[in-house]
Protein backbone atom coordinates (compact mmCIF):
# COMPACT_ATOMS: atom_id res chain seq x y z
CA UNK A 1 0.00 0.00 0.00
CA UNK A 2 1.38 3.39 -1.01
CA UNK A 3 1.83 6.32 1.37
CA UNK A 4 -1.40 8.31 1.49
CA UNK A 5 -0.47 11.15 3.86
CA UNK A 6 1.36 14.34 3.03
CA UNK A 7 2.08 17.86 4.20
CA UNK A 8 1.61 20.68 1.74
CA UNK A 9 3.96 23.53 1.12
CA UNK A 10 2.73 27.05 1.86
CA UNK A 11 -0.95 27.41 0.89
CA UNK A 12 -3.72 29.95 1.42
CA UNK A 13 -6.73 28.83 3.39
CA UNK A 14 -10.23 29.40 2.13
CA UNK A 15 -13.44 28.48 3.92
CA UNK A 16 -11.65 27.23 7.05
CA UNK A 17 -14.00 25.46 9.47
CA UNK A 18 -11.36 24.37 11.95
CA UNK A 19 -12.92 25.23 15.31
CA UNK A 20 -16.58 24.52 14.59
CA UNK A 21 -18.14 22.05 12.17
CA UNK A 22 -19.53 23.24 8.84
CA UNK A 23 -23.09 22.75 7.56
CA UNK A 24 -22.23 19.10 6.76
CA UNK A 25 -21.18 18.46 10.37
CA UNK A 26 -17.49 18.21 9.44
CA UNK A 27 -14.36 20.23 10.02
CA UNK A 28 -13.10 21.39 6.65
CA UNK A 29 -11.07 23.78 4.58
CA UNK A 30 -10.08 24.56 1.05
CA UNK A 31 -6.34 24.88 0.49
CA UNK A 32 -5.22 27.01 -2.45
CA UNK A 33 -1.97 25.45 -3.63
CA UNK A 34 0.14 27.70 -5.88
CA UNK A 35 0.80 26.01 -9.21
CA UNK A 36 4.43 27.05 -8.76
CA UNK A 37 4.65 24.64 -5.78
CA UNK A 38 5.41 21.71 -8.06
CA UNK A 39 6.58 19.47 -5.17
CA UNK A 40 3.19 19.65 -3.40
CA UNK A 41 1.22 19.33 -6.62
CA UNK A 42 3.30 16.35 -7.79
CA UNK A 43 2.98 14.54 -4.43
CA UNK A 44 -0.81 15.10 -4.33
CA UNK A 45 -1.28 13.79 -7.88
CA UNK A 46 1.05 10.82 -7.26
CA UNK A 47 -0.90 9.77 -4.16
CA UNK A 48 -4.21 9.99 -6.01
CA UNK A 49 -2.86 8.04 -8.98
CA UNK A 50 -1.43 5.34 -6.71
CA UNK A 51 -4.83 4.98 -4.98
CA UNK A 52 -6.43 4.68 -8.40
CA UNK A 53 -3.94 2.00 -9.46
CA UNK A 54 -4.50 0.11 -6.21
CA UNK A 55 -8.28 0.04 -6.81
CA UNK A 56 -8.56 0.10 -10.62
CA UNK A 57 -9.62 -3.54 -10.83
CA UNK A 58 -12.28 -3.36 -8.11
CA UNK A 59 -13.70 -0.01 -6.94
CA UNK A 60 -12.70 1.92 -10.08
CA UNK A 61 -13.23 -0.95 -12.55
CA UNK A 62 -14.13 0.45 -15.96
CA UNK A 63 -13.01 4.00 -15.12
CA UNK A 64 -9.97 5.85 -16.38
CA UNK A 65 -8.07 7.95 -13.81
CA UNK A 66 -9.40 11.10 -15.49
CA UNK A 67 -12.97 9.89 -14.82
CA UNK A 68 -12.47 9.36 -11.09
CA UNK A 69 -13.59 12.15 -8.75
CA UNK A 70 -10.56 13.67 -7.00
CA UNK A 71 -10.42 16.29 -4.21
CA UNK A 72 -8.33 18.80 -6.17
CA UNK A 73 -9.20 20.96 -9.16
CA UNK A 74 -7.59 23.60 -11.35
CA UNK A 75 -8.51 27.03 -9.98
CA UNK A 76 -8.14 28.48 -13.49
CA UNK A 77 -10.89 26.16 -14.75
CA UNK A 78 -14.51 25.58 -13.87
CA UNK A 79 -15.87 24.10 -10.65
CA UNK A 80 -16.88 20.43 -10.87
CA UNK A 81 -20.55 21.37 -10.38
CA UNK A 82 -20.33 24.34 -12.76
CA UNK A 83 -19.45 28.00 -12.44
CA UNK A 84 -16.18 29.85 -12.17
CA UNK A 85 -13.81 29.83 -9.23
CA UNK A 86 -13.23 33.15 -7.46
CA UNK A 87 -10.27 35.36 -8.36
CA UNK A 88 -8.29 34.12 -5.34
CA UNK A 89 -8.17 30.65 -6.96
CA UNK A 90 -6.45 31.79 -10.15
CA UNK A 91 -2.96 30.31 -10.49
CA UNK A 92 -3.72 27.63 -7.86
CA UNK A 93 -4.98 24.12 -7.42
CA UNK A 94 -8.02 23.99 -5.14
CA UNK A 95 -7.85 21.13 -2.62
CA UNK A 96 -10.85 20.31 -0.41
CA UNK A 97 -10.17 18.47 2.85
CA UNK A 98 -12.60 17.31 5.56
CA UNK A 99 -12.58 15.53 8.90
CA UNK A 100 -15.14 14.23 11.38
CA UNK A 101 -12.60 14.91 14.15
CA UNK A 102 -11.31 18.33 15.13
CA UNK A 103 -7.96 18.89 13.39
CA UNK A 104 -4.80 20.03 15.12
CA UNK A 105 -4.38 23.80 14.58
CA UNK A 106 -1.01 25.24 15.56
CA UNK A 107 1.05 28.34 14.94
CA UNK A 108 4.53 28.67 13.53
CA UNK A 109 5.86 28.01 17.07
CA UNK A 110 3.88 24.73 17.19
CA UNK A 111 1.70 26.11 20.01
CA UNK A 112 -2.06 25.46 19.71
CA UNK A 113 -4.20 28.19 18.18
CA UNK A 114 -7.52 28.48 19.96
CA UNK A 115 -8.83 31.81 18.67
CA UNK A 116 -10.88 31.33 15.52
CA UNK A 117 -10.01 34.87 14.39
CA UNK A 118 -6.34 33.88 14.04
CA UNK A 119 -7.07 31.46 11.17
CA UNK A 120 -9.33 33.03 8.56
CA UNK A 121 -9.88 32.93 4.78
CA UNK A 122 -6.59 34.21 3.35
CA UNK A 123 -4.27 32.91 6.09
CA UNK A 124 -1.01 31.34 4.88
CA UNK A 125 -0.44 27.86 6.28
CA UNK A 126 0.80 24.33 5.72
CA UNK A 127 -1.79 21.57 5.81
CA UNK A 128 -1.40 17.92 6.77
CA UNK A 129 -3.79 15.68 4.84
CA UNK A 130 -4.42 12.04 4.02
CA UNK A 131 -6.13 10.56 0.97
CA UNK A 132 -8.51 7.63 0.69
CA UNK A 133 -11.14 6.12 -1.57
CA UNK A 134 -14.91 6.12 -1.16
CA UNK A 135 -17.95 4.35 -2.57
CA UNK A 136 -21.19 5.97 -1.39
CA UNK A 137 -24.40 4.94 -3.12
CA UNK A 138 -22.60 4.37 -6.41
CA UNK A 139 -20.56 7.57 -6.18
CA UNK A 140 -16.90 6.54 -6.30
CA UNK A 141 -13.77 8.58 -5.97
CA UNK A 142 -10.78 9.74 -3.98
CA UNK A 143 -11.23 12.00 -0.96
CA UNK A 144 -8.95 14.07 1.24
CA UNK A 145 -8.91 13.91 5.05
CA UNK A 146 -7.82 16.91 7.10
CA UNK A 147 -5.29 16.10 9.84
CA UNK A 148 -3.92 19.47 10.88
CA UNK A 149 -3.02 23.04 10.03
CA UNK A 150 0.15 24.95 10.81
CA UNK A 151 -0.55 28.66 10.40
CA UNK A 152 2.43 30.64 9.14
CA UNK A 153 1.47 34.19 8.34
CA UNK A 154 -1.45 36.48 8.05
CA UNK A 155 -2.51 37.32 4.55
CA UNK A 156 -5.05 39.65 3.10
CA UNK A 157 -8.46 38.41 4.20
CA UNK A 158 -10.57 37.04 1.35
CA UNK A 159 -13.87 38.81 0.91
CA UNK A 160 -14.70 41.99 2.70
CA UNK A 161 -14.56 42.92 6.34
CA UNK A 162 -17.08 45.47 7.56
CA UNK A 163 -15.97 48.00 10.16
CA UNK A 164 -17.72 50.82 12.03
CA UNK A 165 -16.33 53.25 9.43
CA UNK A 166 -18.74 51.69 6.96
CA UNK A 167 -21.46 53.82 8.54
CA UNK A 168 -19.57 57.06 7.79
CA UNK A 169 -21.65 57.80 4.72
CA UNK A 170 -22.95 61.25 5.65
CA UNK A 171 -26.39 60.04 6.78
CA UNK A 172 -27.87 62.23 9.52
CA UNK A 173 -28.93 59.78 12.19
CA UNK A 174 -29.34 62.38 14.97
CA UNK A 175 -33.13 61.96 14.86
CA UNK A 176 -32.68 58.31 15.80
CA UNK A 177 -31.46 59.15 19.31
CA UNK A 178 -33.74 58.13 22.15
CA UNK A 179 -35.14 60.83 24.43
C-alpha atoms as a PDB file:
ATOM      1  CA  UNK A   1       0.000   0.000   0.000  1.00  0.00           C
ATOM      2  CA  UNK A   2       1.385   3.386  -1.013  1.00  0.00           C
ATOM      3  CA  UNK A   3       1.826   6.323   1.372  1.00  0.00           C
ATOM      4  CA  UNK A   4      -1.401   8.314   1.494  1.00  0.00           C
ATOM      5  CA  UNK A   5      -0.467  11.147   3.863  1.00  0.00           C
ATOM      6  CA  UNK A   6       1.358  14.344   3.033  1.00  0.00           C
ATOM      7  CA  UNK A   7       2.079  17.864   4.204  1.00  0.00           C
ATOM      8  CA  UNK A   8       1.608  20.684   1.738  1.00  0.00           C
ATOM      9  CA  UNK A   9       3.961  23.530   1.118  1.00  0.00           C
ATOM     10  CA  UNK A  10       2.733  27.053   1.864  1.00  0.00           C
ATOM     11  CA  UNK A  11      -0.953  27.409   0.890  1.00  0.00           C
ATOM     12  CA  UNK A  12      -3.720  29.953   1.421  1.00  0.00           C
ATOM     13  CA  UNK A  13      -6.728  28.832   3.391  1.00  0.00           C
ATOM     14  CA  UNK A  14     -10.227  29.402   2.128  1.00  0.00           C
ATOM     15  CA  UNK A  15     -13.436  28.476   3.920  1.00  0.00           C
ATOM     16  CA  UNK A  16     -11.650  27.234   7.051  1.00  0.00           C
ATOM     17  CA  UNK A  17     -14.004  25.462   9.468  1.00  0.00           C
ATOM     18  CA  UNK A  18     -11.358  24.375  11.955  1.00  0.00           C
ATOM     19  CA  UNK A  19     -12.922  25.228  15.306  1.00  0.00           C
ATOM     20  CA  UNK A  20     -16.579  24.517  14.590  1.00  0.00           C
ATOM     21  CA  UNK A  21     -18.142  22.049  12.174  1.00  0.00           C
ATOM     22  CA  UNK A  22     -19.528  23.243   8.843  1.00  0.00           C
ATOM     23  CA  UNK A  23     -23.094  22.747   7.564  1.00  0.00           C
ATOM     24  CA  UNK A  24     -22.232  19.101   6.761  1.00  0.00           C
ATOM     25  CA  UNK A  25     -21.175  18.459  10.368  1.00  0.00           C
ATOM     26  CA  UNK A  26     -17.485  18.211   9.438  1.00  0.00           C
ATOM     27  CA  UNK A  27     -14.361  20.235  10.018  1.00  0.00           C
ATOM     28  CA  UNK A  28     -13.097  21.393   6.653  1.00  0.00           C
ATOM     29  CA  UNK A  29     -11.067  23.784   4.585  1.00  0.00           C
ATOM     30  CA  UNK A  30     -10.084  24.563   1.053  1.00  0.00           C
ATOM     31  CA  UNK A  31      -6.340  24.879   0.485  1.00  0.00           C
ATOM     32  CA  UNK A  32      -5.217  27.008  -2.446  1.00  0.00           C
ATOM     33  CA  UNK A  33      -1.966  25.445  -3.628  1.00  0.00           C
ATOM     34  CA  UNK A  34       0.141  27.702  -5.881  1.00  0.00           C
ATOM     35  CA  UNK A  35       0.800  26.006  -9.215  1.00  0.00           C
ATOM     36  CA  UNK A  36       4.432  27.052  -8.755  1.00  0.00           C
ATOM     37  CA  UNK A  37       4.651  24.637  -5.783  1.00  0.00           C
ATOM     38  CA  UNK A  38       5.405  21.708  -8.063  1.00  0.00           C
ATOM     39  CA  UNK A  39       6.576  19.471  -5.173  1.00  0.00           C
ATOM     40  CA  UNK A  40       3.192  19.649  -3.395  1.00  0.00           C
ATOM     41  CA  UNK A  41       1.219  19.328  -6.625  1.00  0.00           C
ATOM     42  CA  UNK A  42       3.297  16.347  -7.786  1.00  0.00           C
ATOM     43  CA  UNK A  43       2.982  14.540  -4.432  1.00  0.00           C
ATOM     44  CA  UNK A  44      -0.810  15.104  -4.332  1.00  0.00           C
ATOM     45  CA  UNK A  45      -1.279  13.787  -7.880  1.00  0.00           C
ATOM     46  CA  UNK A  46       1.052  10.820  -7.263  1.00  0.00           C
ATOM     47  CA  UNK A  47      -0.899   9.770  -4.160  1.00  0.00           C
ATOM     48  CA  UNK A  48      -4.212   9.990  -6.012  1.00  0.00           C
ATOM     49  CA  UNK A  49      -2.856   8.039  -8.981  1.00  0.00           C
ATOM     50  CA  UNK A  50      -1.431   5.338  -6.707  1.00  0.00           C
ATOM     51  CA  UNK A  51      -4.826   4.979  -4.982  1.00  0.00           C
ATOM     52  CA  UNK A  52      -6.431   4.684  -8.402  1.00  0.00           C
ATOM     53  CA  UNK A  53      -3.937   2.002  -9.462  1.00  0.00           C
ATOM     54  CA  UNK A  54      -4.497   0.112  -6.215  1.00  0.00           C
ATOM     55  CA  UNK A  55      -8.275   0.039  -6.814  1.00  0.00           C
ATOM     56  CA  UNK A  56      -8.564   0.103 -10.622  1.00  0.00           C
ATOM     57  CA  UNK A  57      -9.622  -3.542 -10.826  1.00  0.00           C
ATOM     58  CA  UNK A  58     -12.283  -3.357  -8.113  1.00  0.00           C
ATOM     59  CA  UNK A  59     -13.704  -0.015  -6.936  1.00  0.00           C
ATOM     60  CA  UNK A  60     -12.704   1.918 -10.082  1.00  0.00           C
ATOM     61  CA  UNK A  61     -13.232  -0.949 -12.553  1.00  0.00           C
ATOM     62  CA  UNK A  62     -14.130   0.448 -15.962  1.00  0.00           C
ATOM     63  CA  UNK A  63     -13.010   3.996 -15.120  1.00  0.00           C
ATOM     64  CA  UNK A  64      -9.967   5.854 -16.379  1.00  0.00           C
ATOM     65  CA  UNK A  65      -8.074   7.950 -13.808  1.00  0.00           C
ATOM     66  CA  UNK A  66      -9.402  11.096 -15.493  1.00  0.00           C
ATOM     67  CA  UNK A  67     -12.973   9.893 -14.825  1.00  0.00           C
ATOM     68  CA  UNK A  68     -12.473   9.359 -11.093  1.00  0.00           C
ATOM     69  CA  UNK A  69     -13.591  12.154  -8.748  1.00  0.00           C
ATOM     70  CA  UNK A  70     -10.562  13.672  -7.003  1.00  0.00           C
ATOM     71  CA  UNK A  71     -10.425  16.290  -4.213  1.00  0.00           C
ATOM     72  CA  UNK A  72      -8.328  18.797  -6.170  1.00  0.00           C
ATOM     73  CA  UNK A  73      -9.196  20.961  -9.160  1.00  0.00           C
ATOM     74  CA  UNK A  74      -7.591  23.599 -11.355  1.00  0.00           C
ATOM     75  CA  UNK A  75      -8.506  27.033  -9.977  1.00  0.00           C
ATOM     76  CA  UNK A  76      -8.144  28.482 -13.491  1.00  0.00           C
ATOM     77  CA  UNK A  77     -10.888  26.160 -14.751  1.00  0.00           C
ATOM     78  CA  UNK A  78     -14.510  25.579 -13.871  1.00  0.00           C
ATOM     79  CA  UNK A  79     -15.872  24.100 -10.645  1.00  0.00           C
ATOM     80  CA  UNK A  80     -16.883  20.432 -10.872  1.00  0.00           C
ATOM     81  CA  UNK A  81     -20.548  21.375 -10.377  1.00  0.00           C
ATOM     82  CA  UNK A  82     -20.335  24.345 -12.763  1.00  0.00           C
ATOM     83  CA  UNK A  83     -19.448  27.999 -12.437  1.00  0.00           C
ATOM     84  CA  UNK A  84     -16.180  29.847 -12.167  1.00  0.00           C
ATOM     85  CA  UNK A  85     -13.808  29.833  -9.227  1.00  0.00           C
ATOM     86  CA  UNK A  86     -13.234  33.147  -7.455  1.00  0.00           C
ATOM     87  CA  UNK A  87     -10.272  35.364  -8.364  1.00  0.00           C
ATOM     88  CA  UNK A  88      -8.295  34.121  -5.338  1.00  0.00           C
ATOM     89  CA  UNK A  89      -8.166  30.646  -6.958  1.00  0.00           C
ATOM     90  CA  UNK A  90      -6.450  31.788 -10.152  1.00  0.00           C
ATOM     91  CA  UNK A  91      -2.960  30.306 -10.487  1.00  0.00           C
ATOM     92  CA  UNK A  92      -3.722  27.635  -7.856  1.00  0.00           C
ATOM     93  CA  UNK A  93      -4.983  24.120  -7.417  1.00  0.00           C
ATOM     94  CA  UNK A  94      -8.022  23.992  -5.145  1.00  0.00           C
ATOM     95  CA  UNK A  95      -7.849  21.129  -2.615  1.00  0.00           C
ATOM     96  CA  UNK A  96     -10.851  20.311  -0.410  1.00  0.00           C
ATOM     97  CA  UNK A  97     -10.168  18.466   2.850  1.00  0.00           C
ATOM     98  CA  UNK A  98     -12.599  17.315   5.565  1.00  0.00           C
ATOM     99  CA  UNK A  99     -12.584  15.525   8.896  1.00  0.00           C
ATOM    100  CA  UNK A 100     -15.136  14.226  11.381  1.00  0.00           C
ATOM    101  CA  UNK A 101     -12.596  14.909  14.153  1.00  0.00           C
ATOM    102  CA  UNK A 102     -11.311  18.331  15.130  1.00  0.00           C
ATOM    103  CA  UNK A 103      -7.958  18.893  13.391  1.00  0.00           C
ATOM    104  CA  UNK A 104      -4.802  20.030  15.120  1.00  0.00           C
ATOM    105  CA  UNK A 105      -4.380  23.795  14.576  1.00  0.00           C
ATOM    106  CA  UNK A 106      -1.005  25.242  15.564  1.00  0.00           C
ATOM    107  CA  UNK A 107       1.050  28.341  14.937  1.00  0.00           C
ATOM    108  CA  UNK A 108       4.527  28.668  13.532  1.00  0.00           C
ATOM    109  CA  UNK A 109       5.862  28.011  17.066  1.00  0.00           C
ATOM    110  CA  UNK A 110       3.877  24.730  17.191  1.00  0.00           C
ATOM    111  CA  UNK A 111       1.695  26.107  20.009  1.00  0.00           C
ATOM    112  CA  UNK A 112      -2.062  25.461  19.709  1.00  0.00           C
ATOM    113  CA  UNK A 113      -4.199  28.194  18.184  1.00  0.00           C
ATOM    114  CA  UNK A 114      -7.520  28.482  19.959  1.00  0.00           C
ATOM    115  CA  UNK A 115      -8.833  31.811  18.669  1.00  0.00           C
ATOM    116  CA  UNK A 116     -10.885  31.335  15.518  1.00  0.00           C
ATOM    117  CA  UNK A 117     -10.013  34.875  14.390  1.00  0.00           C
ATOM    118  CA  UNK A 118      -6.342  33.878  14.044  1.00  0.00           C
ATOM    119  CA  UNK A 119      -7.067  31.458  11.167  1.00  0.00           C
ATOM    120  CA  UNK A 120      -9.330  33.034   8.556  1.00  0.00           C
ATOM    121  CA  UNK A 121      -9.879  32.926   4.783  1.00  0.00           C
ATOM    122  CA  UNK A 122      -6.593  34.207   3.351  1.00  0.00           C
ATOM    123  CA  UNK A 123      -4.271  32.905   6.094  1.00  0.00           C
ATOM    124  CA  UNK A 124      -1.014  31.341   4.877  1.00  0.00           C
ATOM    125  CA  UNK A 125      -0.437  27.856   6.282  1.00  0.00           C
ATOM    126  CA  UNK A 126       0.799  24.331   5.715  1.00  0.00           C
ATOM    127  CA  UNK A 127      -1.786  21.572   5.806  1.00  0.00           C
ATOM    128  CA  UNK A 128      -1.400  17.922   6.770  1.00  0.00           C
ATOM    129  CA  UNK A 129      -3.794  15.678   4.841  1.00  0.00           C
ATOM    130  CA  UNK A 130      -4.422  12.041   4.021  1.00  0.00           C
ATOM    131  CA  UNK A 131      -6.132  10.557   0.970  1.00  0.00           C
ATOM    132  CA  UNK A 132      -8.508   7.634   0.695  1.00  0.00           C
ATOM    133  CA  UNK A 133     -11.143   6.115  -1.566  1.00  0.00           C
ATOM    134  CA  UNK A 134     -14.915   6.121  -1.162  1.00  0.00           C
ATOM    135  CA  UNK A 135     -17.949   4.349  -2.569  1.00  0.00           C
ATOM    136  CA  UNK A 136     -21.185   5.970  -1.389  1.00  0.00           C
ATOM    137  CA  UNK A 137     -24.397   4.939  -3.118  1.00  0.00           C
ATOM    138  CA  UNK A 138     -22.599   4.374  -6.406  1.00  0.00           C
ATOM    139  CA  UNK A 139     -20.562   7.573  -6.185  1.00  0.00           C
ATOM    140  CA  UNK A 140     -16.897   6.541  -6.296  1.00  0.00           C
ATOM    141  CA  UNK A 141     -13.774   8.576  -5.974  1.00  0.00           C
ATOM    142  CA  UNK A 142     -10.784   9.741  -3.977  1.00  0.00           C
ATOM    143  CA  UNK A 143     -11.234  11.999  -0.960  1.00  0.00           C
ATOM    144  CA  UNK A 144      -8.948  14.069   1.243  1.00  0.00           C
ATOM    145  CA  UNK A 145      -8.913  13.907   5.052  1.00  0.00           C
ATOM    146  CA  UNK A 146      -7.815  16.912   7.095  1.00  0.00           C
ATOM    147  CA  UNK A 147      -5.290  16.097   9.837  1.00  0.00           C
ATOM    148  CA  UNK A 148      -3.923  19.469  10.880  1.00  0.00           C
ATOM    149  CA  UNK A 149      -3.023  23.041  10.030  1.00  0.00           C
ATOM    150  CA  UNK A 150       0.153  24.952  10.815  1.00  0.00           C
ATOM    151  CA  UNK A 151      -0.549  28.661  10.400  1.00  0.00           C
ATOM    152  CA  UNK A 152       2.434  30.638   9.142  1.00  0.00           C
ATOM    153  CA  UNK A 153       1.474  34.189   8.338  1.00  0.00           C
ATOM    154  CA  UNK A 154      -1.445  36.475   8.051  1.00  0.00           C
ATOM    155  CA  UNK A 155      -2.511  37.315   4.555  1.00  0.00           C
ATOM    156  CA  UNK A 156      -5.047  39.651   3.095  1.00  0.00           C
ATOM    157  CA  UNK A 157      -8.457  38.412   4.205  1.00  0.00           C
ATOM    158  CA  UNK A 158     -10.570  37.037   1.351  1.00  0.00           C
ATOM    159  CA  UNK A 159     -13.870  38.810   0.907  1.00  0.00           C
ATOM    160  CA  UNK A 160     -14.705  41.992   2.698  1.00  0.00           C
ATOM    161  CA  UNK A 161     -14.561  42.922   6.336  1.00  0.00           C
ATOM    162  CA  UNK A 162     -17.077  45.472   7.558  1.00  0.00           C
ATOM    163  CA  UNK A 163     -15.971  48.004  10.160  1.00  0.00           C
ATOM    164  CA  UNK A 164     -17.722  50.822  12.025  1.00  0.00           C
ATOM    165  CA  UNK A 165     -16.326  53.255   9.430  1.00  0.00           C
ATOM    166  CA  UNK A 166     -18.737  51.690   6.963  1.00  0.00           C
ATOM    167  CA  UNK A 167     -21.459  53.818   8.545  1.00  0.00           C
ATOM    168  CA  UNK A 168     -19.566  57.061   7.785  1.00  0.00           C
ATOM    169  CA  UNK A 169     -21.653  57.803   4.722  1.00  0.00           C
ATOM    170  CA  UNK A 170     -22.950  61.248   5.646  1.00  0.00           C
ATOM    171  CA  UNK A 171     -26.388  60.045   6.776  1.00  0.00           C
ATOM    172  CA  UNK A 172     -27.868  62.226   9.519  1.00  0.00           C
ATOM    173  CA  UNK A 173     -28.930  59.781  12.191  1.00  0.00           C
ATOM    174  CA  UNK A 174     -29.339  62.385  14.970  1.00  0.00           C
ATOM    175  CA  UNK A 175     -33.132  61.962  14.857  1.00  0.00           C
ATOM    176  CA  UNK A 176     -32.683  58.313  15.803  1.00  0.00           C
ATOM    177  CA  UNK A 177     -31.465  59.149  19.309  1.00  0.00           C
ATOM    178  CA  UNK A 178     -33.735  58.127  22.146  1.00  0.00           C
ATOM    179  CA  UNK A 179     -35.137  60.826  24.426  1.00  0.00           C
END
